[in-house]
Amino acid sequence: GRLDTITSPELSEALNAELDGVTELLLDME
């Protein structure tokens, strides 16, 4: 979909919640 002013906080929250212990992050933008 769209990563914009409205949806970017959702991605930020997901990253903050999920990145502990992660050594490789892949953002798939297909």
PDB file of all heavy atoms in Angstrom:
ATOM      1  N   GLY A   1       0.816  -1.211   0.000  1.00  0.00           N
ATOM      2  CA  GLY A   1       0.000   0.000   0.000  1.00  0.00           C
ATOM      3  C   GLY A   1       0.846   1.255   0.000  1.00  0.00           C
ATOM      4  O   GLY A   1       1.811   1.365  -0.746  1.00  0.00           O
ATOM      5  N   ARG A   2       0.478   2.198   0.871  1.00  0.00           N
ATOM      6  CA  ARG A   2       1.129   3.503   0.933  1.00  0.00           C
ATOM      7  C   ARG A   2       1.819   3.686   2.284  1.00  0.00           C
ATOM      8  O   ARG A   2       1.209   3.466   3.319  1.00  0.00           O
ATOM      9  CB  ARG A   2       0.093   4.608   0.748  1.00  0.00           C
ATOM     10  CG  ARG A   2      -0.614   4.572  -0.584  1.00  0.00           C
ATOM     11  CD  ARG A   2      -1.767   5.563  -0.632  1.00  0.00           C
ATOM     12  NE  ARG A   2      -1.350   6.923  -0.333  1.00  0.00           N
ATOM     13  CZ  ARG A   2      -0.918   7.801  -1.242  1.00  0.00           C
ATOM     14  NH1 ARG A   2      -0.856   7.444  -2.510  1.00  0.00           N
ATOM     15  NH2 ARG A   2      -0.575   9.016  -0.891  1.00  0.00           N
ATOM     16  N   LEU A   3       3.075   4.116   2.247  1.00  0.00           N
ATOM     17  CA  LEU A   3       3.813   4.458   3.467  1.00  0.00           C
ATOM     18  C   LEU A   3       3.916   5.974   3.491  1.00  0.00           C
ATOM     19  O   LEU A   3       4.742   6.570   2.800  1.00  0.00           O
ATOM     20  CB  LEU A   3       5.193   3.794   3.467  1.00  0.00           C
ATOM     21  CG  LEU A   3       6.085   4.038   4.686  1.00  0.00           C
ATOM     22  CD1 LEU A   3       5.363   3.726   5.979  1.00  0.00           C
ATOM     23  CD2 LEU A   3       7.363   3.234   4.576  1.00  0.00           C
ATOM     24  N   ASP A   4       3.024   6.599   4.261  1.00  0.00           N
ATOM     25  CA  ASP A   4       2.909   8.055   4.262  1.00  0.00           C
ATOM     26  C   ASP A   4       2.714   8.569   5.687  1.00  0.00           C
ATOM     27  O   ASP A   4       2.927   7.826   6.647  1.00  0.00           O
ATOM     28  CB  ASP A   4       1.769   8.501   3.339  1.00  0.00           C
ATOM     29  CG  ASP A   4       0.421   7.849   3.681  1.00  0.00           C
ATOM     30  OD1 ASP A   4       0.231   7.420   4.842  1.00  0.00           O
ATOM     31  OD2 ASP A   4      -0.444   7.790   2.795  1.00  0.00           O
ATOM     32  N   THR A   5       2.319   9.809   5.815  1.00  0.00           N
ATOM     33  CA  THR A   5       2.146  10.432   7.133  1.00  0.00           C
ATOM     34  C   THR A   5       1.159   9.660   8.003  1.00  0.00           C
ATOM     35  O   THR A   5       1.359   9.533   9.211  1.00  0.00           O
ATOM     36  CB  THR A   5       1.657  11.891   6.965  1.00  0.00           C
ATOM     37  OG1 THR A   5       2.588  12.575   6.136  1.00  0.00           O
ATOM     38  CG2 THR A   5       1.545  12.596   8.298  1.00  0.00           C
ATOM     39  N   ILE A   6       0.134   9.128   7.401  1.00  0.00           N
ATOM     40  CA  ILE A   6      -0.898   8.411   8.160  1.00  0.00           C
ATOM     41  C   ILE A   6      -0.428   7.027   8.581  1.00  0.00           C
ATOM     42  O   ILE A   6      -0.684   6.592   9.703  1.00  0.00           O
ATOM     43  CB  ILE A   6      -2.199   8.323   7.327  1.00  0.00           C
ATOM     44  CG1 ILE A   6      -2.757   9.730   7.120  1.00  0.00           C
ATOM     45  CG2 ILE A   6      -3.228   7.416   7.991  1.00  0.00           C
ATOM     46  CD1 ILE A   6      -3.870   9.821   6.096  1.00  0.00           C
ATOM     47  N   THR A   7       0.288   6.328   7.697  1.00  0.00           N
ATOM     48  CA  THR A   7       0.651   4.933   7.974  1.00  0.00           C
ATOM     49  C   THR A   7       2.048   4.741   8.548  1.00  0.00           C
ATOM     50  O   THR A   7       2.349   3.680   9.089  1.00  0.00           O
ATOM     51  CB  THR A   7       0.530   4.093   6.685  1.00  0.00           C
ATOM     52  OG1 THR A   7       1.414   4.626   5.694  1.00  0.00           O
ATOM     53  CG2 THR A   7      -0.895   4.081   6.159  1.00  0.00           C
ATOM     54  N   SER A   8       2.908   5.748   8.462  1.00  0.00           N
ATOM     55  CA  SER A   8       4.279   5.576   8.961  1.00  0.00           C
ATOM     56  C   SER A   8       4.349   5.284  10.464  1.00  0.00           C
ATOM     57  O   SER A   8       5.214   4.504  10.880  1.00  0.00           O
ATOM     58  CB  SER A   8       5.166   6.760   8.585  1.00  0.00           C
ATOM     59  OG  SER A   8       4.684   7.944   9.137  1.00  0.00           O
ATOM     60  N   PRO A   9       3.454   5.837  11.303  1.00  0.00           N
ATOM     61  CA  PRO A   9       3.517   5.445  12.718  1.00  0.00           C
ATOM     62  C   PRO A   9       3.275   3.953  12.934  1.00  0.00           C
ATOM     63  O   PRO A   9       3.859   3.351  13.835  1.00  0.00           O
ATOM     64  CB  PRO A   9       2.405   6.278  13.368  1.00  0.00           C
ATOM     65  CG  PRO A   9       2.261   7.468  12.479  1.00  0.00           C
ATOM     66  CD  PRO A   9       2.504   6.937  11.093  1.00  0.00           C
ATOM     67  N   GLU A  10       2.461   3.342  12.079  1.00  0.00           N
ATOM     68  CA  GLU A  10       2.213   1.903  12.187  1.00  0.00           C
ATOM     69  C   GLU A  10       3.495   1.106  11.934  1.00  0.00           C
ATOM     70  O   GLU A  10       3.810   0.163  12.668  1.00  0.00           O
ATOM     71  CB  GLU A  10       1.139   1.497  11.183  1.00  0.00           C
ATOM     72  CG  GLU A  10       0.788   0.030  11.209  1.00  0.00           C
ATOM     73  CD  GLU A  10      -0.233  -0.349  10.150  1.00  0.00           C
ATOM     74  OE1 GLU A  10      -0.803   0.537   9.484  1.00  0.00           O
ATOM     75  OE2 GLU A  10      -0.444  -1.561   9.982  1.00  0.00           O
ATOM     76  N   LEU A  11       4.267   1.508  10.921  1.00  0.00           N
ATOM     77  CA  LEU A  11       5.537   0.826  10.651  1.00  0.00           C
ATOM     78  C   LEU A  11       6.529   1.089  11.775  1.00  0.00           C
ATOM     79  O   LEU A  11       7.240   0.180  12.212  1.00  0.00           O
ATOM     80  CB  LEU A  11       6.126   1.269   9.307  1.00  0.00           C
ATOM     81  CG  LEU A  11       7.477   0.648   8.949  1.00  0.00           C
ATOM     82  CD1 LEU A  11       7.401  -0.880   8.918  1.00  0.00           C
ATOM     83  CD2 LEU A  11       7.977   1.199   7.621  1.00  0.00           C
ATOM     84  N   SER A  12       6.569   2.306  12.264  1.00  0.00           N
ATOM     85  CA  SER A  12       7.475   2.638  13.363  1.00  0.00           C
ATOM     86  C   SER A  12       7.171   1.789  14.600  1.00  0.00           C
ATOM     87  O   SER A  12       8.086   1.242  15.225  1.00  0.00           O
ATOM     88  CB  SER A  12       7.349   4.130  13.696  1.00  0.00           C
ATOM     89  OG  SER A  12       8.240   4.479  14.720  1.00  0.00           O
ATOM     90  N   GLU A  13       5.899   1.643  14.928  1.00  0.00           N
ATOM     91  CA  GLU A  13       5.501   0.830  16.077  1.00  0.00           C
ATOM     92  C   GLU A  13       5.868  -0.636  15.860  1.00  0.00           C
ATOM     93  O   GLU A  13       6.351  -1.303  16.778  1.00  0.00           O
ATOM     94  CB  GLU A  13       4.004   0.964  16.333  1.00  0.00           C
ATOM     95  CG  GLU A  13       3.610   2.318  16.886  1.00  0.00           C
ATOM     96  CD  GLU A  13       2.100   2.512  16.941  1.00  0.00           C
ATOM     97  OE1 GLU A  13       1.352   1.516  16.821  1.00  0.00           O
ATOM     98  OE2 GLU A  13       1.675   3.669  17.105  1.00  0.00           O
ATOM     99  N   ALA A  14       5.655  -1.138  14.637  1.00  0.00           N
ATOM    100  CA  ALA A  14       5.986  -2.532  14.338  1.00  0.00           C
ATOM    101  C   ALA A  14       7.482  -2.762  14.495  1.00  0.00           C
ATOM    102  O   ALA A  14       7.912  -3.768  15.079  1.00  0.00           O
ATOM    103  CB  ALA A  14       5.535  -2.889  12.924  1.00  0.00           C
ATOM    104  N   LEU A  15       8.281  -1.836  13.995  1.00  0.00           N
ATOM    105  CA  LEU A  15       9.733  -1.970  14.109  1.00  0.00           C
ATOM    106  C   LEU A  15      10.174  -1.917  15.565  1.00  0.00           C
ATOM    107  O   LEU A  15      10.993  -2.733  16.004  1.00  0.00           O
ATOM    108  CB  LEU A  15      10.430  -0.882  13.290  1.00  0.00           C
ATOM    109  CG  LEU A  15      10.346  -1.055  11.779  1.00  0.00           C
ATOM    110  CD1 LEU A  15      10.730   0.238  11.074  1.00  0.00           C
ATOM    111  CD2 LEU A  15      11.226  -2.209  11.320  1.00  0.00           C
ATOM    112  N   ASN A  16       9.641  -0.986  16.328  1.00  0.00           N
ATOM    113  CA  ASN A  16      10.011  -0.877  17.734  1.00  0.00           C
ATOM    114  C   ASN A  16       9.641  -2.136  18.509  1.00  0.00           C
ATOM    115  O   ASN A  16      10.370  -2.555  19.409  1.00  0.00           O
ATOM    116  CB  ASN A  16       9.368   0.349  18.372  1.00  0.00           C
ATOM    117  CG  ASN A  16      10.014   1.640  17.919  1.00  0.00           C
ATOM    118  OD1 ASN A  16      11.179   1.670  17.543  1.00  0.00           O
ATOM    119  ND2 ASN A  16       9.253   2.713  17.942  1.00  0.00           N
ATOM    120  N   ALA A  17       8.523  -2.733  18.157  1.00  0.00           N
ATOM    121  CA  ALA A  17       8.054  -3.927  18.868  1.00  0.00           C
ATOM    122  C   ALA A  17       8.802  -5.186  18.457  1.00  0.00           C
ATOM    123  O   ALA A  17       8.918  -6.123  19.250  1.00  0.00           O
ATOM    124  CB  ALA A  17       6.555  -4.114  18.620  1.00  0.00           C
ATOM    125  N   GLU A  18       9.325  -5.227  17.238  1.00  0.00           N
ATOM    126  CA  GLU A  18       9.832  -6.486  16.691  1.00  0.00           C
ATOM    127  C   GLU A  18      11.349  -6.574  16.566  1.00  0.00           C
ATOM    128  O   GLU A  18      11.880  -7.649  16.308  1.00  0.00           O
ATOM    129  CB  GLU A  18       9.226  -6.715  15.297  1.00  0.00           C
ATOM    130  CG  GLU A  18       7.736  -6.589  15.245  1.00  0.00           C
ATOM    131  CD  GLU A  18       7.002  -7.918  15.191  1.00  0.00           C
ATOM    132  OE1 GLU A  18       7.671  -8.946  15.048  1.00  0.00           O
ATOM    133  OE2 GLU A  18       5.782  -7.898  15.289  1.00  0.00           O
ATOM    134  N   LEU A  19      12.092  -5.482  16.698  1.00  0.00           N
ATOM    135  CA  LEU A  19      13.521  -5.507  16.379  1.00  0.00           C
ATOM    136  C   LEU A  19      14.438  -6.017  17.482  1.00  0.00           C
ATOM    137  O   LEU A  19      15.606  -6.280  17.210  1.00  0.00           O
ATOM    138  CB  LEU A  19      13.999  -4.126  15.919  1.00  0.00           C
ATOM    139  CG  LEU A  19      13.608  -3.738  14.502  1.00  0.00           C
ATOM    140  CD1 LEU A  19      14.203  -2.387  14.134  1.00  0.00           C
ATOM    141  CD2 LEU A  19      14.028  -4.790  13.499  1.00  0.00           C
ATOM    142  N   ASP A  20      13.942  -6.178  18.694  1.00  0.00           N
ATOM    143  CA  ASP A  20      14.806  -6.718  19.751  1.00  0.00           C
ATOM    144  C   ASP A  20      15.282  -8.113  19.358  1.00  0.00           C
ATOM    145  O   ASP A  20      14.486  -8.990  19.041  1.00  0.00           O
ATOM    146  CB  ASP A  20      14.072  -6.777  21.089  1.00  0.00           C
ATOM    147  CG  ASP A  20      13.907  -5.409  21.719  1.00  0.00           C
ATOM    148  OD1 ASP A  20      14.634  -4.479  21.328  1.00  0.00           O
ATOM    149  OD2 ASP A  20      13.031  -5.258  22.601  1.00  0.00           O
ATOM    150  N   GLY A  21      16.591  -8.317  19.347  1.00  0.00           N
ATOM    151  CA  GLY A  21      17.165  -9.605  19.022  1.00  0.00           C
ATOM    152  C   GLY A  21      17.306  -9.893  17.534  1.00  0.00           C
ATOM    153  O   GLY A  21      17.822 -10.934  17.149  1.00  0.00           O
ATOM    154  N   VAL A  22      16.861  -8.977  16.698  1.00  0.00           N
ATOM    155  CA  VAL A  22      16.954  -9.167  15.251  1.00  0.00           C
ATOM    156  C   VAL A  22      18.324  -8.688  14.767  1.00  0.00           C
ATOM    157  O   VAL A  22      18.756  -7.596  15.110  1.00  0.00           O
ATOM    158  CB  VAL A  22      15.823  -8.386  14.521  1.00  0.00           C
ATOM    159  CG1 VAL A  22      16.036  -8.373  13.024  1.00  0.00           C
ATOM    160  CG2 VAL A  22      14.466  -8.977  14.868  1.00  0.00           C
ATOM    161  N   THR A  23      18.996  -9.525  13.982  1.00  0.00           N
ATOM    162  CA  THR A  23      20.287  -9.134  13.417  1.00  0.00           C
ATOM    163  C   THR A  23      20.204  -8.890  11.916  1.00  0.00           C
ATOM    164  O   THR A  23      21.116  -8.331  11.330  1.00  0.00           O
ATOM    165  CB  THR A  23      21.367 -10.201  13.693  1.00  0.00           C
ATOM    166  OG1 THR A  23      20.952 -11.443  13.106  1.00  0.00           O
ATOM    167  CG2 THR A  23      21.594 -10.368  15.188  1.00  0.00           C
ATOM    168  N   GLU A  24      19.110  -9.319  11.300  1.00  0.00           N
ATOM    169  CA  GLU A  24      18.906  -9.076   9.867  1.00  0.00           C
ATOM    170  C   GLU A  24      17.454  -8.672   9.640  1.00  0.00           C
ATOM    171  O   GLU A  24      16.527  -9.412   9.970  1.00  0.00           O
ATOM    172  CB  GLU A  24      19.241 -10.313   9.045  1.00  0.00           C
ATOM    173  CG  GLU A  24      19.166 -10.055   7.554  1.00  0.00           C
ATOM    174  CD  GLU A  24      19.577 -11.257   6.719  1.00  0.00           C
ATOM    175  OE1 GLU A  24      20.183 -12.197   7.268  1.00  0.00           O
ATOM    176  OE2 GLU A  24      19.280 -11.245   5.523  1.00  0.00           O
ATOM    177  N   LEU A  25      17.282  -7.482   9.074  1.00  0.00           N
ATOM    178  CA  LEU A  25      15.948  -6.969   8.764  1.00  0.00           C
ATOM    179  C   LEU A  25      15.825  -6.831   7.253  1.00  0.00           C
ATOM    180  O   LEU A  25      16.691  -6.247   6.604  1.00  0.00           O
ATOM    181  CB  LEU A  25      15.738  -5.604   9.423  1.00  0.00           C
ATOM    182  CG  LEU A  25      14.458  -4.845   9.033  1.00  0.00           C
ATOM    183  CD1 LEU A  25      13.209  -5.619   9.470  1.00  0.00           C
ATOM    184  CD2 LEU A  25      14.465  -3.444   9.649  1.00  0.00           C
ATOM    185  N   LEU A  26      14.748  -7.368   6.705  1.00  0.00           N
ATOM    186  CA  LEU A  26      14.455  -7.225   5.286  1.00  0.00           C
ATOM    187  C   LEU A  26      13.125  -6.498   5.144  1.00  0.00           C
ATOM    188  O   LEU A  26      12.111  -6.950   5.679  1.00  0.00           O
ATOM    189  CB  LEU A  26      14.376  -8.593   4.597  1.00  0.00           C
ATOM    190  CG  LEU A  26      13.923  -8.572   3.138  1.00  0.00           C
ATOM    191  CD1 LEU A  26      14.934  -7.823   2.257  1.00  0.00           C
ATOM    192  CD2 LEU A  26      13.704  -9.975   2.619  1.00  0.00           C
ATOM    193  N   LEU A  27      13.149  -5.362   4.465  1.00  0.00           N
ATOM    194  CA  LEU A  27      11.923  -4.652   4.125  1.00  0.00           C
ATOM    195  C   LEU A  27      11.586  -4.997   2.686  1.00  0.00           C
ATOM    196  O   LEU A  27      12.283  -4.595   1.761  1.00  0.00           O
ATOM    197  CB  LEU A  27      12.104  -3.136   4.279  1.00  0.00           C
ATOM    198  CG  LEU A  27      12.390  -2.607   5.679  1.00  0.00           C
ATOM    199  CD1 LEU A  27      12.530  -1.097   5.643  1.00  0.00           C
ATOM    200  CD2 LEU A  27      11.298  -3.029   6.653  1.00  0.00           C
ATOM    201  N   ASP A  28      10.533  -5.773   2.502  1.00  0.00           N
ATOM    202  CA  ASP A  28      10.099  -6.193   1.165  1.00  0.00           C
ATOM    203  C   ASP A  28       9.057  -5.196   0.673  1.00  0.00           C
ATOM    204  O   ASP A  28       7.965  -5.103   1.219  1.00  0.00           O
ATOM    205  CB  ASP A  28       9.514  -7.598   1.229  1.00  0.00           C
ATOM    206  CG  ASP A  28       9.175  -8.156  -0.142  1.00  0.00           C
ATOM    207  OD1 ASP A  28       9.014  -7.358  -1.096  1.00  0.00           O
ATOM    208  OD2 ASP A  28       9.056  -9.376  -0.261  1.00  0.00           O
ATOM    209  N   MET A  29       9.411  -4.438  -0.365  1.00  0.00           N
ATOM    210  CA  MET A  29       8.552  -3.362  -0.864  1.00  0.00           C
ATOM    211  C   MET A  29       7.858  -3.717  -2.177  1.00  0.00           C
ATOM    212  O   MET A  29       7.418  -2.838  -2.906  1.00  0.00           O
ATOM    213  CB  MET A  29       9.372  -2.088  -1.024  1.00  0.00           C
ATOM    214  CG  MET A  29       9.941  -1.594   0.269  1.00  0.00           C
ATOM    215  SD  MET A  29      10.731   0.007   0.075  1.00  0.00           S
ATOM    216  CE  MET A  29      11.091   0.394   1.780  1.00  0.00           C
ATOM    217  N   GLU A  30       7.723  -5.006  -2.447  1.00  0.00           N
ATOM    218  CA  GLU A  30       7.137  -5.426  -3.718  1.00  0.00           C
ATOM    219  C   GLU A  30       5.730  -4.861  -3.919  1.00  0.00           C
ATOM    220  O   GLU A  30       5.356  -4.490  -5.028  1.00  0.00           O
ATOM    221  CB  GLU A  30       7.095  -6.955  -3.797  1.00  0.00           C
ATOM    222  CG  GLU A  30       6.623  -7.457  -5.139  1.00  0.00           C
ATOM    223  CD  GLU A  30       6.815  -8.950  -5.300  1.00  0.00           C
ATOM    224  OE1 GLU A  30       7.100  -9.651  -4.320  1.00  0.00           O
ATOM    225  OE2 GLU A  30       6.670  -9.419  -6.437  1.00  0.00           O
TER     226      GLU A  30
END
